[in-house]
N, C-alpha and C. Protein backbone atom coordinates (compact mmCIF):
# COMPACT_ATOMS: atom_id res chain seq x y z
N MET A 1 6.66 -5.27 -7.88
CA MET A 1 6.64 -4.43 -7.01
C MET A 1 8.17 -3.40 -6.15
N PHE A 2 7.88 -2.24 -5.57
CA PHE A 2 9.37 -1.86 -5.16
C PHE A 2 9.06 -0.74 -4.28
N SER A 3 9.63 -0.49 -3.23
CA SER A 3 9.85 1.16 -2.93
C SER A 3 10.06 2.11 -2.61
N TYR A 4 10.22 3.39 -2.33
CA TYR A 4 11.19 4.56 -2.14
C TYR A 4 10.80 5.17 -0.94
N LYS A 5 11.17 5.86 -0.11
CA LYS A 5 10.38 6.92 0.76
C LYS A 5 9.52 6.07 1.77
N GLY A 6 9.45 4.90 1.90
CA GLY A 6 8.01 4.77 2.01
C GLY A 6 6.32 4.21 1.39
N PHE A 7 7.05 4.38 -0.52
CA PHE A 7 5.51 4.64 -0.73
C PHE A 7 5.82 3.41 -1.63
N ILE A 8 4.85 2.76 -2.50
CA ILE A 8 5.25 1.08 -2.54
C ILE A 8 4.41 1.46 -4.59
N ALA A 9 4.98 0.76 -5.23
CA ALA A 9 4.67 1.29 -6.34
C ALA A 9 4.58 -0.31 -7.15
N GLU A 10 3.60 -0.63 -8.22
CA GLU A 10 3.37 -1.89 -9.05
C GLU A 10 3.36 -1.14 -9.95
N VAL A 11 4.21 -2.38 -10.77
CA VAL A 11 4.53 -1.80 -12.25
C VAL A 11 3.79 -2.99 -13.66
N ASP A 12 3.44 -2.39 -14.14
CA ASP A 12 3.10 -3.27 -15.81
C ASP A 12 3.76 -2.88 -16.32
N TYR A 13 3.66 -3.86 -17.92
CA TYR A 13 3.89 -3.70 -19.20
C TYR A 13 3.69 -3.59 -19.95
N ASP A 14 3.45 -2.53 -20.85
CA ASP A 14 2.53 -1.64 -21.91
C ASP A 14 3.35 -2.72 -23.12
N ASP A 15 4.00 -4.13 -23.84
CA ASP A 15 4.17 -4.73 -25.13
C ASP A 15 4.10 -3.99 -25.84
N ASN A 16 2.65 -3.41 -26.23
CA ASN A 16 2.82 -2.70 -27.85
C ASN A 16 3.93 -0.79 -27.66
N ALA A 17 3.47 -0.34 -26.60
CA ALA A 17 4.42 0.64 -26.72
C ALA A 17 5.69 0.48 -25.75
N GLU A 18 6.16 -0.66 -25.51
CA GLU A 18 7.58 -1.53 -25.01
C GLU A 18 7.62 -0.20 -24.22
N THR A 19 7.23 -0.34 -23.23
CA THR A 19 7.13 0.37 -22.14
C THR A 19 6.85 0.26 -20.51
N PHE A 20 7.24 0.33 -19.49
CA PHE A 20 6.87 0.29 -18.20
C PHE A 20 5.86 1.32 -17.42
N TYR A 21 5.15 0.69 -16.45
CA TYR A 21 4.16 1.96 -16.51
C TYR A 21 3.83 1.65 -15.03
N GLY A 22 3.94 2.08 -14.40
CA GLY A 22 3.48 2.28 -12.31
C GLY A 22 3.01 3.44 -11.98
N SER A 23 2.61 2.72 -10.59
CA SER A 23 2.39 3.78 -10.68
C SER A 23 2.21 3.07 -8.56
N VAL A 24 1.36 4.21 -7.51
CA VAL A 24 1.71 4.05 -6.39
C VAL A 24 0.40 3.59 -5.64
N VAL A 25 0.89 2.62 -4.75
CA VAL A 25 -0.76 2.29 -4.45
C VAL A 25 -0.40 2.27 -3.36
N ASN A 26 0.84 3.17 -1.93
CA ASN A 26 -0.10 3.00 -1.05
C ASN A 26 -0.31 4.85 0.29
N ALA A 27 -1.15 5.52 -1.56
CA ALA A 27 -1.06 7.01 -1.53
C ALA A 27 -2.25 7.19 -2.12
N ASN A 28 -3.63 7.70 -1.47
CA ASN A 28 -4.78 8.38 -2.22
C ASN A 28 -4.22 9.69 -2.79
N THR A 29 -3.01 10.50 -3.19
CA THR A 29 -2.77 10.70 -4.53
C THR A 29 -2.66 10.45 -5.32
N ILE A 30 -2.68 10.06 -7.31
CA ILE A 30 -2.18 10.01 -8.13
C ILE A 30 -1.05 10.23 -8.53
N MET A 31 -0.06 8.77 -8.49
CA MET A 31 1.56 9.37 -8.81
C MET A 31 1.64 8.19 -9.55
N SER A 32 1.84 8.94 -10.73
CA SER A 32 2.18 7.52 -11.49
C SER A 32 3.63 7.61 -12.61
N PHE A 33 3.85 7.17 -13.27
CA PHE A 33 5.16 6.53 -14.04
C PHE A 33 5.39 5.55 -14.88
N ARG A 34 6.50 5.99 -15.62
CA ARG A 34 6.94 5.07 -16.71
C ARG A 34 8.62 5.05 -16.62
N GLY A 35 9.05 4.16 -17.88
CA GLY A 35 10.17 4.29 -18.60
C GLY A 35 10.73 2.73 -19.17
N THR A 36 11.13 3.34 -20.48
CA THR A 36 11.27 2.09 -21.26
C THR A 36 12.71 0.74 -20.99
N GLU A 37 13.02 1.57 -19.72
CA GLU A 37 13.55 0.72 -18.85
C GLU A 37 14.46 0.44 -18.10
N VAL A 38 14.30 -0.30 -16.68
CA VAL A 38 14.03 -0.44 -15.69
C VAL A 38 14.60 0.37 -14.87
N ALA A 39 15.93 1.32 -15.29
CA ALA A 39 16.22 2.02 -14.28
C ALA A 39 15.43 3.19 -14.32
N GLU A 40 15.00 3.26 -15.87
CA GLU A 40 14.57 4.66 -16.14
C GLU A 40 12.71 4.69 -15.72
N LEU A 41 12.84 3.47 -15.27
CA LEU A 41 12.05 3.05 -14.29
C LEU A 41 11.79 3.86 -13.14
N LYS A 42 12.51 3.36 -12.48
CA LYS A 42 13.12 3.35 -11.52
C LYS A 42 13.29 4.73 -10.75
N ALA A 43 13.97 5.34 -11.94
CA ALA A 43 14.18 7.37 -11.57
C ALA A 43 13.36 8.07 -11.80
N SER A 44 11.94 7.59 -12.74
CA SER A 44 10.34 7.80 -12.64
C SER A 44 9.47 8.00 -11.42
N PHE A 45 9.89 6.78 -10.93
CA PHE A 45 9.35 6.28 -9.94
C PHE A 45 9.88 7.43 -8.75
N ALA A 46 11.38 7.82 -8.36
CA ALA A 46 11.78 8.14 -7.10
C ALA A 46 11.75 9.78 -7.64
N ASP A 47 11.55 10.18 -8.74
CA ASP A 47 11.32 11.53 -9.67
C ASP A 47 9.85 11.79 -8.86
N VAL A 48 8.82 11.38 -9.16
CA VAL A 48 7.41 11.61 -8.44
C VAL A 48 6.64 11.20 -7.50
N VAL A 49 8.07 11.03 -6.16
CA VAL A 49 7.70 10.90 -5.38
C VAL A 49 8.52 12.37 -4.48
N ASP A 50 9.25 12.31 -5.33
CA ASP A 50 10.16 13.66 -4.66
C ASP A 50 9.63 15.19 -4.97
N SER A 51 9.08 14.71 -6.08
CA SER A 51 7.97 15.99 -6.49
C SER A 51 7.08 16.61 -5.65
N TYR A 52 6.10 14.74 -5.13
CA TYR A 52 4.99 14.70 -4.38
C TYR A 52 5.57 15.59 -3.20
N LEU A 53 6.50 14.84 -2.12
CA LEU A 53 7.00 15.47 -0.98
C LEU A 53 7.43 16.49 -1.08
N GLY A 54 7.90 17.34 -2.09
CA GLY A 54 8.39 18.90 -2.64
C GLY A 54 7.31 19.76 -2.87
N ASP A 55 6.50 19.47 -3.87
CA ASP A 55 4.84 20.57 -3.77
C ASP A 55 3.95 20.14 -2.20
N CYS A 56 3.87 19.29 -1.35
CA CYS A 56 3.72 19.09 -0.10
C CYS A 56 4.80 20.22 1.30
N GLU A 57 5.52 19.91 1.11
CA GLU A 57 6.30 21.21 1.51
C GLU A 57 6.64 23.00 1.03
N ARG A 58 6.08 22.63 0.22
CA ARG A 58 6.00 24.31 -1.09
C ARG A 58 4.87 24.81 0.06
N ASP A 59 3.53 23.78 0.03
CA ASP A 59 2.05 24.13 0.32
C ASP A 59 1.78 24.54 1.27
N GLY A 60 3.02 23.81 2.30
CA GLY A 60 2.89 23.98 3.67
C GLY A 60 1.70 22.16 4.06
N ILE A 61 1.82 21.33 3.37
CA ILE A 61 0.40 19.90 4.08
C ILE A 61 1.77 19.30 4.35
N ASP A 62 1.38 18.53 5.14
CA ASP A 62 1.83 17.26 5.19
C ASP A 62 1.28 15.53 4.41
N PRO A 63 2.87 15.19 3.87
CA PRO A 63 1.82 13.89 3.26
C PRO A 63 1.54 13.20 3.65
N GLU A 64 1.04 12.27 2.27
CA GLU A 64 -0.07 10.81 3.00
C GLU A 64 1.12 10.04 4.01
N LYS A 65 1.01 9.76 4.98
CA LYS A 65 1.58 8.81 5.47
C LYS A 65 1.56 7.21 5.07
N PRO A 66 2.14 6.69 4.44
CA PRO A 66 2.14 5.10 3.59
C PRO A 66 1.65 4.44 4.84
N PHE A 67 0.76 3.64 4.99
CA PHE A 67 0.39 1.83 5.64
C PHE A 67 0.99 2.42 6.92
N SER A 68 -0.42 3.44 7.74
CA SER A 68 -0.42 3.73 8.97
C SER A 68 -0.44 2.55 10.24
N GLY A 69 -0.69 1.79 9.58
CA GLY A 69 -1.55 0.33 10.27
C GLY A 69 -2.35 0.58 10.56
N LYS A 70 -3.54 1.45 10.84
CA LYS A 70 -4.57 1.38 11.12
C LYS A 70 -5.51 1.60 9.84
N ILE A 71 -6.92 0.96 10.11
CA ILE A 71 -8.10 0.75 9.65
C ILE A 71 -8.80 1.21 9.78
N THR A 72 -10.32 1.32 8.48
CA THR A 72 -11.74 1.52 9.65
C THR A 72 -12.77 -0.20 8.61
N VAL A 73 -12.91 -0.70 9.29
CA VAL A 73 -13.56 -2.08 9.25
C VAL A 73 -15.15 -1.45 8.56
N ARG A 74 -15.99 -1.38 8.16
CA ARG A 74 -17.81 -1.27 8.16
C ARG A 74 -18.03 -2.89 8.25
N LEU A 75 -19.14 -3.28 8.89
CA LEU A 75 -19.47 -4.35 9.07
C LEU A 75 -20.60 -4.17 9.27
N THR A 76 -21.72 -5.10 8.67
CA THR A 76 -23.04 -5.13 9.34
C THR A 76 -23.27 -6.15 10.65
N PRO A 77 -23.98 -5.42 11.38
CA PRO A 77 -24.38 -5.88 12.72
C PRO A 77 -24.21 -6.97 13.30
N VAL A 78 -24.47 -7.88 12.52
CA VAL A 78 -24.81 -8.93 12.56
C VAL A 78 -23.59 -10.23 12.26
N LEU A 79 -22.36 -9.50 11.34
CA LEU A 79 -21.32 -9.57 11.58
C LEU A 79 -20.40 -9.19 12.18
N HIS A 80 -20.33 -7.97 12.33
CA HIS A 80 -20.02 -7.49 14.43
C HIS A 80 -19.78 -8.09 15.42
N ARG A 81 -21.21 -8.75 15.34
CA ARG A 81 -21.67 -9.57 16.33
C ARG A 81 -20.81 -11.29 16.45
N LYS A 82 -20.66 -11.48 14.65
CA LYS A 82 -20.14 -12.82 15.09
C LYS A 82 -18.72 -12.69 15.24
N VAL A 83 -17.91 -11.70 15.30
CA VAL A 83 -16.23 -11.30 15.32
C VAL A 83 -17.01 -11.00 16.74
N ALA A 84 -16.96 -10.59 17.41
CA ALA A 84 -16.87 -10.51 18.65
C ALA A 84 -17.04 -11.89 19.38
N ILE A 85 -17.96 -12.42 19.00
CA ILE A 85 -17.97 -13.64 19.49
C ILE A 85 -17.38 -14.25 18.99
N LYS A 86 -16.83 -14.76 17.89
CA LYS A 86 -15.78 -15.19 17.80
C LYS A 86 -13.75 -15.23 18.08
N ALA A 87 -13.70 -13.77 18.11
CA ALA A 87 -12.79 -13.60 19.20
C ALA A 87 -12.63 -13.75 20.53
N ALA A 88 -13.93 -13.56 21.06
CA ALA A 88 -13.73 -13.35 22.45
C ALA A 88 -13.78 -14.70 23.04
N ALA A 89 -14.50 -16.42 22.29
CA ALA A 89 -13.94 -17.70 22.16
C ALA A 89 -12.51 -17.54 22.14
N ARG A 90 -11.83 -16.99 21.37
CA ARG A 90 -10.46 -17.19 21.08
C ARG A 90 -9.35 -16.43 22.49
N LYS A 91 -10.18 -15.57 23.20
CA LYS A 91 -9.53 -14.44 24.24
C LYS A 91 -8.90 -13.83 23.47
N GLU A 92 -9.12 -13.44 22.22
CA GLU A 92 -8.65 -12.71 21.65
C GLU A 92 -9.27 -10.88 21.00
N SER A 93 -8.65 -9.28 21.32
CA SER A 93 -9.07 -9.00 20.96
C SER A 93 -9.96 -9.10 19.10
N MET A 94 -11.35 -8.09 18.79
CA MET A 94 -11.41 -8.17 17.99
C MET A 94 -10.54 -7.96 16.68
N ASN A 95 -9.57 -6.66 16.92
CA ASN A 95 -8.48 -6.46 16.64
C ASN A 95 -7.77 -7.36 15.82
N GLN A 96 -7.33 -7.55 17.21
CA GLN A 96 -6.34 -9.28 17.45
C GLN A 96 -6.51 -10.74 16.26
N TYR A 97 -7.89 -10.75 16.45
CA TYR A 97 -8.48 -11.72 15.69
C TYR A 97 -8.62 -11.61 14.38
N LEU A 98 -9.05 -10.53 13.68
CA LEU A 98 -9.11 -9.99 12.73
C LEU A 98 -7.83 -9.69 11.65
N GLU A 99 -6.71 -9.34 12.80
CA GLU A 99 -5.41 -9.07 11.88
C GLU A 99 -4.90 -10.70 11.63
N ASP A 100 -4.59 -11.05 12.74
CA ASP A 100 -4.72 -12.87 12.65
C ASP A 100 -5.73 -13.52 11.45
N LEU A 101 -6.43 -13.22 11.43
CA LEU A 101 -7.44 -13.69 9.91
C LEU A 101 -6.51 -13.40 8.25
N ILE A 102 -6.23 -11.34 8.95
CA ILE A 102 -5.91 -11.46 7.51
C ILE A 102 -4.55 -11.66 7.46
N ALA A 103 -3.63 -11.67 8.27
CA ALA A 103 -2.25 -12.44 8.09
C ALA A 103 -2.80 -13.94 7.37
N ARG A 104 -3.51 -14.80 7.83
CA ARG A 104 -3.39 -16.01 6.91
C ARG A 104 -3.99 -15.78 5.53
N ASP A 105 -5.07 -15.35 5.56
CA ASP A 105 -5.33 -14.66 4.36
C ASP A 105 -4.74 -14.46 3.47
N THR A 106 -3.72 -13.34 3.86
CA THR A 106 -1.90 -12.84 2.92
C THR A 106 -1.41 -13.44 3.07
N ALA A 107 -1.15 -14.61 3.46
CA ALA A 107 0.35 -14.92 3.70
C ALA A 107 0.95 -15.72 3.04
N ASP A 108 0.02 -15.99 1.62
CA ASP A 108 0.92 -16.26 0.20
C ASP A 108 1.36 -14.99 -0.68
N ILE A 109 1.14 -13.64 -0.16
CA ILE A 109 2.01 -13.09 -0.75
C ILE A 109 3.20 -12.74 -0.80
N GLU A 110 4.15 -12.79 -1.47
CA GLU A 110 5.49 -12.25 -1.11
C GLU A 110 6.06 -11.38 -1.09
N MET A 111 6.39 -10.26 0.07
CA MET A 111 7.12 -8.84 -0.04
C MET A 111 8.06 -8.51 -0.72
N ARG A 112 8.18 -8.25 -1.25
CA ARG A 112 10.10 -8.29 -2.12
C ARG A 112 10.38 -6.71 -1.04
N ALA A 113 9.69 -5.91 -1.89
CA ALA A 113 10.19 -4.59 -1.26
C ALA A 113 10.32 -4.08 -0.04
N PRO A 114 12.10 -3.58 0.08
CA PRO A 114 11.86 -3.16 1.76
C PRO A 114 11.52 -2.08 2.63
N GLY A 115 11.25 -2.91 3.85
CA GLY A 115 9.86 -2.27 4.60
C GLY A 115 9.18 -3.53 4.99
N LEU A 116 9.04 -4.01 3.86
CA LEU A 116 7.07 -4.81 3.73
C LEU A 116 7.53 -6.01 4.62
N GLY A 117 6.56 -6.30 5.09
CA GLY A 117 6.16 -7.96 5.34
C GLY A 117 6.34 -8.45 7.63
């Protein structure tokens, strides 16, 4: 993974084509890129992000803001009640309880891209 202007790329390698390919993982807009060498891959990633931002500016629309920190989680009423009970027992808000729970569950993920973690 690496990042550029707040956008994060996930990269894979196609052994048959001997090509790296990647996509932006923190935007709804599909942004994909490729390269046969790492430098070419990174340049292609920067180009696709810059192109997206340029298109947004040209069209007068706001680009997506990667990872605002806000998400919507839909729970069943029973699970919602269980979360409320657990959070209250810990003297935490439900948001804080869920954030702590998710942080513990994702602690093993190594964040190498700048601005993450």
